[in-house]
Amino acid sequence: MVKTSIYPDELVRLVEDYIDSIQFGEDPAVAPLCEAMRYSLLAGGKRIRPVLLVATGQALGCEPVKLLPTAAAMEMIHTYSLIHDDLPAFDDDELRRGQPTCHVKYGENVAILAGDALFAEAYRLICERQQASPETKMAVIEEISQATGVKGVVGGQMLDIMGGSDDIDSLRLLHSLKTGCLIMACVHCGGMLAGASPSRLQALRGFAAELGLLFQIKDDILDVVGDTAILGKQAGTDARLERSTYVSVYGLEEAGRLALQSKDKALEILRDTGENTGSLAGITNYIYERHQ
């Protein structure tokens, strides 16, 4: 049952402490690379993806601390995608989470390597530290691989640089790959590591699909109406790059209605699961109400 709608800041602190403890190497020769990795990884934020993974497991009765390796790995993968997304070859952004982007501070070459290294180290973290049966661990790795590859983030990025389309089906496909797949993977991996049944996993996937859609619509809205100082990144990027978005296709008012619809659907699915989903409801409401 959904008992609260407050964002689980206690899970944020748990995730933050764990991420801060991660070290990438002691060799002085690669110290500048490790510094760039930690610079982007420790830039702050609400840590929506790892918190989502931990909150999903918690809803199914798993202790949050047991899920931290995979949760941190998800944040490392997300950070890698942001580093590369900000590069001049893609969005050419100079601000991320209120500070200079990785390539602005360290140079494009180091930024590319920092992203690559975070992606690789994420898998190493799961392999070395995540406690789970071999079968479950392999299922988690497979889920993440699909969510980040051609059928996920990278495929979505490719569609994005090709210019997208005003066709609504193409727009949904682009954003389901670029944004939705990683959110889906966080929920599904949290469920698998917590030992959820196939029926529960299916219900959670329905929730994650609506949450991913909500996140993207809200992102598109904020790019139009948001303030750069509050967003922590440059507003107006979508218009500058002439991207198709939910706002450009539907208009601002209708995009807002669609966001509300996805939020309500996500919360309805949570109510129907019968789990202790208060933290997941809090994450959902935060995504809908966020200003950054």
Protein backbone atom coordinates (compact mmCIF):
# COMPACT_ATOMS: atom_id res chain seq x y z
CA MET A 1 0.00 0.00 0.00
CA VAL A 2 1.16 3.55 -0.74
CA LYS A 3 1.59 5.18 2.67
CA THR A 4 3.59 8.29 1.87
CA SER A 5 4.60 10.52 -1.01
CA ILE A 6 7.80 11.94 0.42
CA TYR A 7 11.04 11.56 -1.52
CA PRO A 8 13.22 9.01 0.35
CA ASP A 9 16.14 11.25 1.29
CA GLU A 10 17.44 8.60 3.68
CA LEU A 11 18.06 6.38 0.65
CA VAL A 12 19.80 9.27 -1.11
CA ARG A 13 22.22 9.58 1.82
CA LEU A 14 22.83 5.83 1.78
CA VAL A 15 23.60 5.89 -1.93
CA GLU A 16 25.75 9.02 -1.65
CA ASP A 17 27.90 7.54 1.10
CA TYR A 18 28.43 4.35 -0.87
CA ILE A 19 29.30 6.16 -4.10
CA ASP A 20 31.72 8.43 -2.25
CA SER A 21 33.54 5.37 -0.93
CA ILE A 22 34.27 3.97 -4.41
CA GLN A 23 37.89 4.27 -5.53
CA PHE A 24 39.04 3.66 -9.08
CA GLY A 25 42.77 3.10 -8.71
CA GLU A 26 45.91 4.06 -6.85
CA ASP A 27 48.30 4.41 -9.78
CA PRO A 28 49.42 8.07 -9.90
CA ALA A 29 49.74 7.79 -13.68
CA VAL A 30 45.95 7.61 -14.06
CA ALA A 31 45.11 9.99 -11.21
CA PRO A 32 43.82 12.73 -13.57
CA LEU A 33 41.39 10.24 -15.11
CA CYS A 34 40.13 9.09 -11.72
CA GLU A 35 39.73 12.72 -10.67
CA ALA A 36 37.58 13.43 -13.74
CA MET A 37 35.46 10.33 -13.06
CA ARG A 38 34.81 11.32 -9.46
CA TYR A 39 34.24 14.97 -10.42
CA SER A 40 31.23 14.00 -12.53
CA LEU A 41 30.05 11.11 -10.37
CA LEU A 42 30.01 13.15 -7.15
CA ALA A 43 28.34 16.23 -8.64
CA GLY A 44 25.20 15.66 -6.57
CA GLY A 45 21.54 15.51 -7.49
CA LYS A 46 18.64 13.43 -6.20
CA ARG A 47 20.21 10.17 -7.49
CA ILE A 48 16.85 9.14 -8.93
CA ARG A 49 18.05 5.98 -10.69
CA PRO A 50 19.98 4.31 -7.87
CA VAL A 51 17.39 5.39 -5.31
CA LEU A 52 14.70 3.93 -7.56
CA LEU A 53 16.53 0.60 -7.64
CA VAL A 54 17.00 0.53 -3.87
CA ALA A 55 13.42 1.64 -3.20
CA THR A 56 12.08 -1.13 -5.44
CA GLY A 57 14.02 -3.76 -3.53
CA GLN A 58 12.95 -2.22 -0.24
CA ALA A 59 9.30 -2.40 -1.28
CA LEU A 60 9.80 -6.14 -1.75
CA GLY A 61 11.37 -6.62 1.67
CA CYS A 62 15.07 -6.42 0.79
CA GLU A 63 17.44 -4.39 2.97
CA PRO A 64 18.60 -1.34 0.95
CA VAL A 65 22.27 -1.81 1.88
CA LYS A 66 22.29 -5.16 0.03
CA LEU A 67 21.44 -3.43 -3.25
CA LEU A 68 24.03 -0.65 -3.16
CA PRO A 69 26.63 -2.14 -5.55
CA THR A 70 24.15 -2.40 -8.43
CA ALA A 71 22.51 0.90 -7.48
CA ALA A 72 25.89 2.67 -7.58
CA ALA A 73 26.68 0.95 -10.87
CA MET A 74 23.49 2.42 -12.34
CA GLU A 75 24.53 5.90 -11.28
CA MET A 76 27.97 5.36 -12.81
CA ILE A 77 26.36 4.33 -16.10
CA HIS A 78 24.01 7.30 -15.98
CA THR A 79 26.95 9.63 -15.31
CA TYR A 80 28.88 8.16 -18.24
CA SER A 81 25.91 8.89 -20.50
CA LEU A 82 25.74 12.50 -19.26
CA ILE A 83 29.46 13.07 -19.82
CA HIS A 84 29.19 11.87 -23.41
CA ASP A 85 25.85 13.64 -23.98
CA ASP A 86 27.45 16.97 -23.02
CA LEU A 87 30.34 16.63 -25.50
CA PRO A 88 30.62 19.04 -28.45
CA ALA A 89 29.84 16.17 -30.83
CA PHE A 90 26.42 15.80 -29.17
CA ASP A 91 24.74 18.57 -27.14
CA ASP A 92 27.83 20.77 -26.67
CA ASP A 93 26.74 21.82 -23.18
CA GLU A 94 29.01 23.65 -20.75
CA LEU A 95 26.99 23.25 -17.55
CA ARG A 96 25.83 20.13 -15.72
CA ARG A 97 24.44 20.00 -12.19
CA GLY A 98 25.46 23.61 -11.70
CA GLN A 99 29.14 23.17 -12.53
CA PRO A 100 31.29 23.04 -15.69
CA THR A 101 30.78 19.86 -17.68
CA CYS A 102 33.53 17.24 -17.61
CA HIS A 103 34.96 18.13 -21.03
CA VAL A 104 35.03 21.84 -20.17
CA LYS A 105 37.02 21.18 -16.99
CA TYR A 106 39.28 18.34 -18.15
CA GLY A 107 39.23 18.43 -21.95
CA GLU A 108 37.33 16.32 -24.46
CA ASN A 109 39.85 13.48 -24.54
CA VAL A 110 39.82 12.97 -20.76
CA ALA A 111 36.02 13.33 -20.64
CA ILE A 112 35.55 10.59 -23.23
CA LEU A 113 37.86 8.28 -21.29
CA ALA A 114 36.15 9.15 -18.00
CA GLY A 115 32.81 8.13 -19.46
CA ASP A 116 34.24 4.93 -20.90
CA ALA A 117 35.89 4.06 -17.60
CA LEU A 118 32.74 4.68 -15.55
CA PHE A 119 30.81 2.34 -17.84
CA ALA A 120 33.39 -0.43 -17.47
CA GLU A 121 33.85 0.08 -13.72
CA ALA A 122 30.09 -0.19 -13.22
CA TYR A 123 30.14 -3.78 -14.44
CA ARG A 124 33.19 -4.56 -12.35
CA LEU A 125 31.39 -3.23 -9.27
CA ILE A 126 28.44 -5.55 -9.86
CA CYS A 127 30.68 -8.55 -10.54
CA GLU A 128 32.86 -8.03 -7.48
CA ARG A 129 30.51 -6.65 -4.84
CA GLN A 130 26.90 -7.54 -5.58
CA GLN A 131 25.79 -10.47 -3.46
CA ALA A 132 23.40 -12.64 -5.47
CA SER A 133 23.19 -16.05 -7.05
CA PRO A 134 25.15 -16.44 -10.30
CA GLU A 135 21.86 -16.73 -12.20
CA THR A 136 20.46 -13.53 -10.71
CA LYS A 137 23.69 -11.63 -11.23
CA MET A 138 23.81 -12.69 -14.87
CA ALA A 139 20.17 -11.64 -15.32
CA VAL A 140 20.99 -8.22 -13.85
CA ILE A 141 24.00 -7.80 -16.15
CA GLU A 142 21.91 -8.84 -19.16
CA GLU A 143 19.17 -6.35 -18.22
CA ILE A 144 21.65 -3.49 -17.88
CA SER A 145 23.47 -4.42 -21.09
CA GLN A 146 20.26 -4.32 -23.09
CA ALA A 147 19.15 -1.07 -21.45
CA THR A 148 22.42 0.66 -22.34
CA GLY A 149 23.19 -0.77 -25.79
CA VAL A 150 21.64 -0.60 -29.23
CA LYS A 151 18.20 -1.45 -27.81
CA GLY A 152 18.60 1.19 -25.10
CA VAL A 153 20.52 4.36 -24.33
CA VAL A 154 23.01 4.20 -27.22
CA GLY A 155 20.30 3.35 -29.74
CA GLY A 156 18.22 6.24 -28.46
CA GLN A 157 21.21 8.57 -28.73
CA MET A 158 21.67 7.49 -32.35
CA LEU A 159 18.05 8.29 -33.15
CA ASP A 160 18.52 11.64 -31.43
CA ILE A 161 21.53 12.70 -33.48
CA MET A 162 19.71 11.64 -36.66
CA GLY A 163 17.23 14.37 -35.90
CA GLY A 164 14.24 12.40 -34.67
CA SER A 165 10.79 12.90 -36.15
CA ASP A 166 7.57 14.74 -35.37
CA ASP A 167 5.78 11.40 -35.73
CA ILE A 168 4.58 10.50 -32.24
CA ASP A 169 5.52 6.83 -32.52
CA SER A 170 9.09 7.77 -33.45
CA LEU A 171 9.24 10.25 -30.57
CA ARG A 172 8.05 7.62 -28.10
CA LEU A 173 10.57 5.10 -29.40
CA LEU A 174 13.46 7.60 -29.13
CA HIS A 175 12.67 8.52 -25.54
CA SER A 176 11.82 5.00 -24.44
CA LEU A 177 15.32 4.00 -25.55
CA LYS A 178 17.29 7.05 -24.45
CA THR A 179 15.57 7.61 -21.09
CA GLY A 180 13.00 4.94 -20.32
CA CYS A 181 15.15 1.82 -20.68
CA LEU A 182 17.57 2.74 -17.90
CA ILE A 183 14.73 3.65 -15.55
CA MET A 184 13.08 0.35 -16.43
CA ALA A 185 16.33 -1.49 -15.71
CA CYS A 186 16.65 0.14 -12.28
CA VAL A 187 13.19 -1.06 -11.26
CA HIS A 188 13.58 -4.51 -12.80
CA CYS A 189 17.05 -5.10 -11.32
CA GLY A 190 15.87 -3.99 -7.89
CA GLY A 191 13.02 -6.46 -8.18
CA MET A 192 15.21 -9.32 -9.38
CA LEU A 193 17.79 -8.81 -6.63
CA ALA A 194 14.98 -8.78 -4.08
CA GLY A 195 13.65 -12.09 -5.40
CA ALA A 196 10.38 -10.79 -6.85
CA SER A 197 8.07 -13.25 -8.56
CA PRO A 198 7.52 -12.97 -12.35
CA SER A 199 4.04 -11.50 -11.80
CA ARG A 200 5.39 -8.82 -9.46
CA LEU A 201 8.20 -8.03 -11.87
CA GLN A 202 5.66 -7.59 -14.66
CA ALA A 203 3.65 -5.14 -12.56
CA LEU A 204 6.80 -3.23 -11.67
CA ARG A 205 7.74 -3.00 -15.34
CA GLY A 206 4.38 -1.37 -16.02
CA PHE A 207 5.09 1.15 -13.28
CA ALA A 208 8.58 1.81 -14.65
CA ALA A 209 7.25 2.38 -18.17
CA GLU A 210 4.94 5.14 -16.93
CA LEU A 211 7.68 6.60 -14.74
CA GLY A 212 10.11 6.75 -17.66
CA LEU A 213 7.52 8.50 -19.81
CA LEU A 214 6.76 10.96 -17.00
CA PHE A 215 10.44 11.71 -16.55
CA GLN A 216 10.96 12.49 -20.23
CA ILE A 217 7.86 14.64 -20.63
CA LYS A 218 8.85 16.63 -17.54
CA ASP A 219 12.38 16.99 -18.88
CA ASP A 220 11.00 18.38 -22.14
CA ILE A 221 8.79 20.83 -20.25
CA LEU A 222 11.62 22.03 -18.02
CA ASP A 223 13.84 22.63 -21.05
CA VAL A 224 11.25 25.19 -22.17
CA VAL A 225 10.09 26.78 -18.91
CA GLY A 226 13.01 25.99 -16.58
CA ASP A 227 15.65 28.39 -15.31
CA THR A 228 19.28 27.52 -16.04
CA ALA A 229 20.36 28.49 -12.52
CA ILE A 230 17.80 26.12 -11.00
CA LEU A 231 18.14 23.34 -13.57
CA GLY A 232 21.89 23.22 -13.13
CA LYS A 233 22.21 22.82 -16.90
CA GLN A 234 21.53 25.01 -19.89
CA ALA A 235 17.83 25.49 -20.60
CA GLY A 236 16.63 25.69 -24.20
CA THR A 237 18.95 22.98 -25.53
CA ASP A 238 16.14 21.13 -27.33
CA ALA A 239 15.09 24.23 -29.26
CA ARG A 240 18.71 25.11 -30.04
CA LEU A 241 19.29 21.66 -31.52
CA GLU A 242 15.84 21.63 -33.18
CA ARG A 243 14.82 18.41 -31.46
CA SER A 244 11.40 16.86 -31.52
CA THR A 245 10.03 16.79 -27.97
CA TYR A 246 6.69 16.28 -26.28
CA VAL A 247 6.39 20.05 -26.07
CA SER A 248 7.23 20.67 -29.73
CA VAL A 249 4.78 17.96 -30.85
CA TYR A 250 1.92 18.45 -28.38
CA GLY A 251 2.42 21.97 -27.06
CA LEU A 252 3.19 22.99 -23.49
CA GLU A 253 -0.33 22.64 -22.08
CA GLU A 254 -0.97 19.18 -23.53
CA ALA A 255 2.50 17.98 -22.51
CA GLY A 256 1.62 18.99 -18.94
CA ARG A 257 -1.61 17.01 -19.14
CA LEU A 258 0.27 13.95 -20.44
CA ALA A 259 2.76 14.23 -17.58
CA LEU A 260 -0.08 14.28 -15.04
CA GLN A 261 -1.67 11.29 -16.76
CA SER A 262 1.55 9.26 -16.55
CA LYS A 263 2.02 10.18 -12.90
CA ASP A 264 -1.50 9.08 -12.05
CA LYS A 265 -1.09 5.81 -13.96
CA ALA A 266 2.22 5.07 -12.21
CA LEU A 267 0.67 5.67 -8.78
CA GLU A 268 -2.35 3.55 -9.69
CA ILE A 269 -0.10 0.62 -10.58
CA LEU A 270 1.71 1.01 -7.26
CA ARG A 271 -1.59 0.94 -5.37
CA ASP A 272 -2.55 -2.26 -7.15
CA THR A 273 0.69 -4.08 -6.31
CA GLY A 274 -0.11 -4.33 -2.60
CA GLU A 275 3.54 -3.69 -1.70
CA ASN A 276 4.96 -1.13 0.74
CA THR A 277 5.57 1.33 -2.09
CA GLY A 278 5.67 4.64 -0.23
CA SER A 279 9.21 5.47 -1.35
CA LEU A 280 8.36 4.65 -4.97
CA ALA A 281 5.34 6.94 -4.74
CA GLY A 282 7.57 9.67 -3.33
CA ILE A 283 9.97 9.30 -6.26
CA THR A 284 7.04 9.46 -8.71
CA ASN A 285 5.65 12.63 -7.17
CA TYR A 286 9.08 14.22 -7.04
CA ILE A 287 9.66 13.58 -10.75
CA TYR A 288 6.31 15.18 -11.56
CA GLU A 289 6.85 18.20 -9.30
CA ARG A 290 10.58 18.75 -9.88
CA HIS A 291 12.06 22.02 -11.12
CA GLN A 292 15.49 20.65 -12.04
